[in-house]
């Protein structure tokens, strides 16, 4: 078995690399969740808008 001797700056560089990589993955997941939430909100608003249009049309038909 071969042992490698790694200098302290190299260990620190590797550690920082993996920390940054982990942070990027977490940030990517957070952005995906926010995008999903935004899409759901847009759909909900569109549904409410359509309901209001239907209500207006029905009210106008009833009052005739």
C-alpha atoms as a PDB file:
ATOM      1  CA  UNK A   1       0.000   0.000   0.000  1.00  0.00           C
ATOM      2  CA  UNK A   2       1.321   3.390  -0.922  1.00  0.00           C
ATOM      3  CA  UNK A   3       1.126   6.373   1.426  1.00  0.00           C
ATOM      4  CA  UNK A   4       1.014   9.874   0.111  1.00  0.00           C
ATOM      5  CA  UNK A   5       2.252  12.770   2.119  1.00  0.00           C
ATOM      6  CA  UNK A   6       0.154  15.829   1.466  1.00  0.00           C
ATOM      7  CA  UNK A   7       1.189  19.272   2.570  1.00  0.00           C
ATOM      8  CA  UNK A   8      -1.050  21.324   4.862  1.00  0.00           C
ATOM      9  CA  UNK A   9      -1.902  23.934   2.187  1.00  0.00           C
ATOM     10  CA  UNK A  10      -2.999  21.148  -0.146  1.00  0.00           C
ATOM     11  CA  UNK A  11      -5.239  19.611   2.532  1.00  0.00           C
ATOM     12  CA  UNK A  12      -6.747  23.028   3.159  1.00  0.00           C
ATOM     13  CA  UNK A  13      -7.340  23.534  -0.565  1.00  0.00           C
ATOM     14  CA  UNK A  14      -9.081  20.165  -0.852  1.00  0.00           C
ATOM     15  CA  UNK A  15     -11.205  20.911   2.221  1.00  0.00           C
ATOM     16  CA  UNK A  16     -12.252  24.319   0.863  1.00  0.00           C
ATOM     17  CA  UNK A  17     -13.026  22.774  -2.526  1.00  0.00           C
ATOM     18  CA  UNK A  18     -15.417  20.234  -1.017  1.00  0.00           C
ATOM     19  CA  UNK A  19     -17.034  22.853   1.229  1.00  0.00           C
ATOM     20  CA  UNK A  20     -17.638  25.138  -1.744  1.00  0.00           C
ATOM     21  CA  UNK A  21     -18.979  22.240  -3.789  1.00  0.00           C
ATOM     22  CA  UNK A  22     -21.409  21.383  -0.976  1.00  0.00           C
ATOM     23  CA  UNK A  23     -22.527  25.005  -0.734  1.00  0.00           C
ATOM     24  CA  UNK A  24     -23.160  25.112  -4.489  1.00  0.00           C
ATOM     25  CA  UNK A  25     -25.303  22.000  -4.300  1.00  0.00           C
ATOM     26  CA  UNK A  26     -27.336  23.504  -1.449  1.00  0.00           C
ATOM     27  CA  UNK A  27     -27.727  26.781  -3.338  1.00  0.00           C
ATOM     28  CA  UNK A  28     -28.834  24.895  -6.440  1.00  0.00           C
ATOM     29  CA  UNK A  29     -31.479  23.013  -4.447  1.00  0.00           C
ATOM     30  CA  UNK A  30     -32.710  26.250  -2.871  1.00  0.00           C
ATOM     31  CA  UNK A  31     -33.054  27.893  -6.280  1.00  0.00           C
ATOM     32  CA  UNK A  32     -34.974  24.901  -7.607  1.00  0.00           C
ATOM     33  CA  UNK A  33     -37.368  25.072  -4.643  1.00  0.00           C
ATOM     34  CA  UNK A  34     -37.872  28.820  -5.139  1.00  0.00           C
ATOM     35  CA  UNK A  35     -38.564  28.357  -8.856  1.00  0.00           C
ATOM     36  CA  UNK A  36     -41.087  25.632  -8.068  1.00  0.00           C
ATOM     37  CA  UNK A  37     -42.764  27.872  -5.488  1.00  0.00           C
ATOM     38  CA  UNK A  38     -42.899  30.731  -7.995  1.00  0.00           C
ATOM     39  CA  UNK A  39     -44.519  28.506 -10.611  1.00  0.00           C
ATOM     40  CA  UNK A  40     -47.121  27.341  -8.084  1.00  0.00           C
ATOM     41  CA  UNK A  41     -47.858  30.945  -7.127  1.00  0.00           C
ATOM     42  CA  UNK A  42     -48.281  31.966 -10.768  1.00  0.00           C
ATOM     43  CA  UNK A  43     -50.654  29.066 -11.361  1.00  0.00           C
ATOM     44  CA  UNK A  44     -52.671  29.966  -8.271  1.00  0.00           C
ATOM     45  CA  UNK A  45     -52.947  33.601  -9.343  1.00  0.00           C
ATOM     46  CA  UNK A  46     -54.037  32.590 -12.839  1.00  0.00           C
ATOM     47  CA  UNK A  47     -56.673  30.273 -11.377  1.00  0.00           C
ATOM     48  CA  UNK A  48     -58.019  33.050  -9.149  1.00  0.00           C
ATOM     49  CA  UNK A  49     -58.105  35.418 -12.119  1.00  0.00           C
ATOM     50  CA  UNK A  50     -60.100  32.911 -14.167  1.00  0.00           C
ATOM     51  CA  UNK A  51     -62.483  32.335 -11.259  1.00  0.00           C
ATOM     52  CA  UNK A  52     -63.104  36.076 -11.022  1.00  0.00           C
ATOM     53  CA  UNK A  53     -63.851  36.204 -14.767  1.00  0.00           C
ATOM     54  CA  UNK A  54     -66.295  33.322 -14.446  1.00  0.00           C
ATOM     55  CA  UNK A  55     -67.961  34.976 -11.451  1.00  0.00           C
ATOM     56  CA  UNK A  56     -68.330  38.224 -13.383  1.00  0.00           C
ATOM     57  CA  UNK A  57     -69.837  36.424 -16.394  1.00  0.00           C
ATOM     58  CA  UNK A  58     -72.243  34.453 -14.206  1.00  0.00           C
ATOM     59  CA  UNK A  59     -73.287  37.577 -12.301  1.00  0.00           C
ATOM     60  CA  UNK A  60     -73.980  39.387 -15.538  1.00  0.00           C
ATOM     61  CA  UNK A  61     -76.047  36.438 -16.788  1.00  0.00           C
ATOM     62  CA  UNK A  62     -78.064  36.236 -13.561  1.00  0.00           C
ATOM     63  CA  UNK A  63     -78.880  39.924 -13.560  1.00  0.00           C
ATOM     64  CA  UNK A  64     -80.334  39.717 -17.082  1.00  0.00           C
END
